[in-house]
Amino acid sequence: MRHKLAGRKLSRSASHRRALLRNLVTDLLDHEKITTTEAKAREVRSLADKMITLGKEGGLNSRRQALSFIFDEKVVNKVFGEIAPRYGERPGGYTRITKIAPRLGDGAPLVRLELVE
């Protein structure tokens, strides 16, 4: 039984799933929008919001926590220098999921995950 277990498995092992989510969060924060499946986007959304919240806190410990999750140091600098100040007054909800056409190969529901303005 799965009572009170959060998160989706995405048909991957734990290490593969963690690497996938870290890559997606890094790309989202770098390019500010990505196209992926709906299940992956729903998982990435909360993690990206947490990284932006760390950027809003702005301390050394927050930067180290972000560096331990985000792969690229340039992206961390972008989060702390550009993205987080943009959302200074916003209490949360930094991402938007917009549904687009199903994928041609397997019909998986695709979405565009982007940072709100």
Protein backbone atom coordinates (compact mmCIF):
# COMPACT_ATOMS: atom_id res chain seq x y z
CA MET A 1 0.00 0.00 0.00
CA ARG A 2 1.13 3.52 -0.81
CA HIS A 3 -0.45 5.44 2.03
CA LYS A 4 1.09 8.88 2.60
CA LEU A 5 3.95 8.34 0.12
CA ALA A 6 4.64 11.51 -1.85
CA GLY A 7 6.15 11.78 -5.30
CA ARG A 8 6.02 9.81 -8.52
CA LYS A 9 8.41 7.00 -9.36
CA LEU A 10 8.46 7.80 -13.10
CA SER A 11 9.45 4.18 -13.87
CA ARG A 12 13.03 4.79 -12.73
CA SER A 13 15.31 3.77 -9.91
CA ALA A 14 15.86 6.27 -7.10
CA SER A 15 19.27 7.40 -8.33
CA HIS A 16 18.09 7.73 -11.94
CA ARG A 17 15.00 9.65 -10.83
CA ARG A 18 17.06 12.05 -8.70
CA ALA A 19 19.49 12.70 -11.57
CA LEU A 20 16.61 13.27 -13.99
CA LEU A 21 14.91 15.77 -11.69
CA ARG A 22 18.17 17.60 -11.00
CA ASN A 23 18.79 17.89 -14.75
CA LEU A 24 15.28 19.16 -15.42
CA VAL A 25 15.46 21.74 -12.62
CA THR A 26 18.87 22.93 -13.83
CA ASP A 27 17.60 23.30 -17.40
CA LEU A 28 14.40 25.04 -16.30
CA LEU A 29 16.31 27.61 -14.26
CA ASP A 30 18.87 28.09 -17.04
CA HIS A 31 16.46 28.45 -20.00
CA GLU A 32 13.41 29.58 -17.96
CA LYS A 33 11.14 27.19 -19.88
CA ILE A 34 11.21 23.52 -20.84
CA THR A 35 8.93 21.07 -22.63
CA THR A 36 8.44 17.72 -20.90
CA THR A 37 5.75 15.24 -19.93
CA GLU A 38 3.07 16.22 -17.46
CA ALA A 39 4.18 13.83 -14.71
CA LYS A 40 7.78 15.04 -14.85
CA ALA A 41 6.69 18.68 -14.88
CA ARG A 42 4.56 18.21 -11.77
CA GLU A 43 7.54 16.76 -9.92
CA VAL A 44 9.96 19.43 -11.15
CA ARG A 45 7.63 22.28 -10.23
CA SER A 46 8.01 21.91 -6.47
CA LEU A 47 11.78 21.41 -6.66
CA ALA A 48 12.26 24.51 -8.83
CA ASP A 49 10.13 26.55 -6.44
CA LYS A 50 12.32 25.40 -3.56
CA MET A 51 15.47 26.47 -5.40
CA ILE A 52 14.03 29.92 -6.08
CA THR A 53 13.00 30.21 -2.43
CA LEU A 54 16.58 29.40 -1.44
CA GLY A 55 17.68 32.17 -3.78
CA LYS A 56 15.30 34.60 -2.08
CA GLU A 57 16.78 33.74 1.33
CA GLY A 58 20.19 34.55 -0.13
CA GLY A 59 22.49 33.34 2.65
CA LEU A 60 25.63 31.26 2.35
CA ASN A 61 23.87 28.13 3.64
CA SER A 62 21.09 28.61 1.07
CA ARG A 63 23.65 28.95 -1.71
CA ARG A 64 25.39 25.75 -0.61
CA GLN A 65 22.09 23.88 -0.48
CA ALA A 66 21.29 25.07 -4.02
CA LEU A 67 24.78 24.05 -5.22
CA SER A 68 24.25 20.57 -3.79
CA PHE A 69 21.15 20.13 -5.99
CA ILE A 70 21.73 22.22 -9.14
CA PHE A 71 24.48 20.87 -11.39
CA ASP A 72 25.84 24.13 -12.83
CA GLU A 73 27.35 26.88 -10.69
CA LYS A 74 26.45 29.47 -13.35
CA VAL A 75 22.78 28.53 -12.94
CA VAL A 76 23.04 28.96 -9.17
CA ASN A 77 24.53 32.41 -9.70
CA LYS A 78 21.67 33.21 -12.08
CA VAL A 79 19.09 32.06 -9.52
CA PHE A 80 20.61 34.14 -6.73
CA GLY A 81 21.43 37.16 -8.92
CA GLU A 82 18.58 37.45 -11.44
CA ILE A 83 15.68 35.10 -10.83
CA ALA A 84 15.18 35.36 -7.05
CA PRO A 85 15.14 39.19 -6.94
CA ARG A 86 12.47 39.13 -9.65
CA TYR A 87 10.15 37.28 -7.25
CA GLY A 88 10.97 39.29 -4.13
CA GLU A 89 7.35 40.17 -3.31
CA ARG A 90 5.79 36.95 -4.60
CA PRO A 91 4.99 34.44 -1.82
CA GLY A 92 5.29 31.37 -4.06
CA GLY A 93 4.04 29.84 -7.29
CA TYR A 94 7.00 30.74 -9.50
CA THR A 95 6.21 28.23 -12.26
CA ARG A 96 3.37 27.68 -14.72
CA ILE A 97 2.36 24.45 -16.47
CA THR A 98 0.67 24.86 -19.86
CA LYS A 99 -0.63 21.81 -21.71
CA ILE A 100 0.40 21.38 -25.34
CA ALA A 101 -0.22 18.68 -27.96
CA PRO A 102 0.48 15.01 -27.17
CA ARG A 103 3.84 13.61 -28.22
CA LEU A 104 3.71 12.06 -31.68
CA GLY A 105 5.64 8.90 -30.86
CA ASP A 106 3.68 7.53 -27.90
CA GLY A 107 0.90 10.04 -27.26
CA ALA A 108 2.32 11.12 -23.89
CA PRO A 109 0.78 14.39 -22.66
CA LEU A 110 3.37 17.14 -23.14
CA VAL A 111 3.42 20.39 -21.22
CA ARG A 112 5.48 23.57 -21.21
CA LEU A 113 6.90 24.34 -17.77
CA GLU A 114 7.99 27.96 -17.47
CA LEU A 115 8.80 30.59 -14.92
CA VAL A 116 6.03 33.17 -14.50
CA GLU A 117 6.76 36.84 -15.11
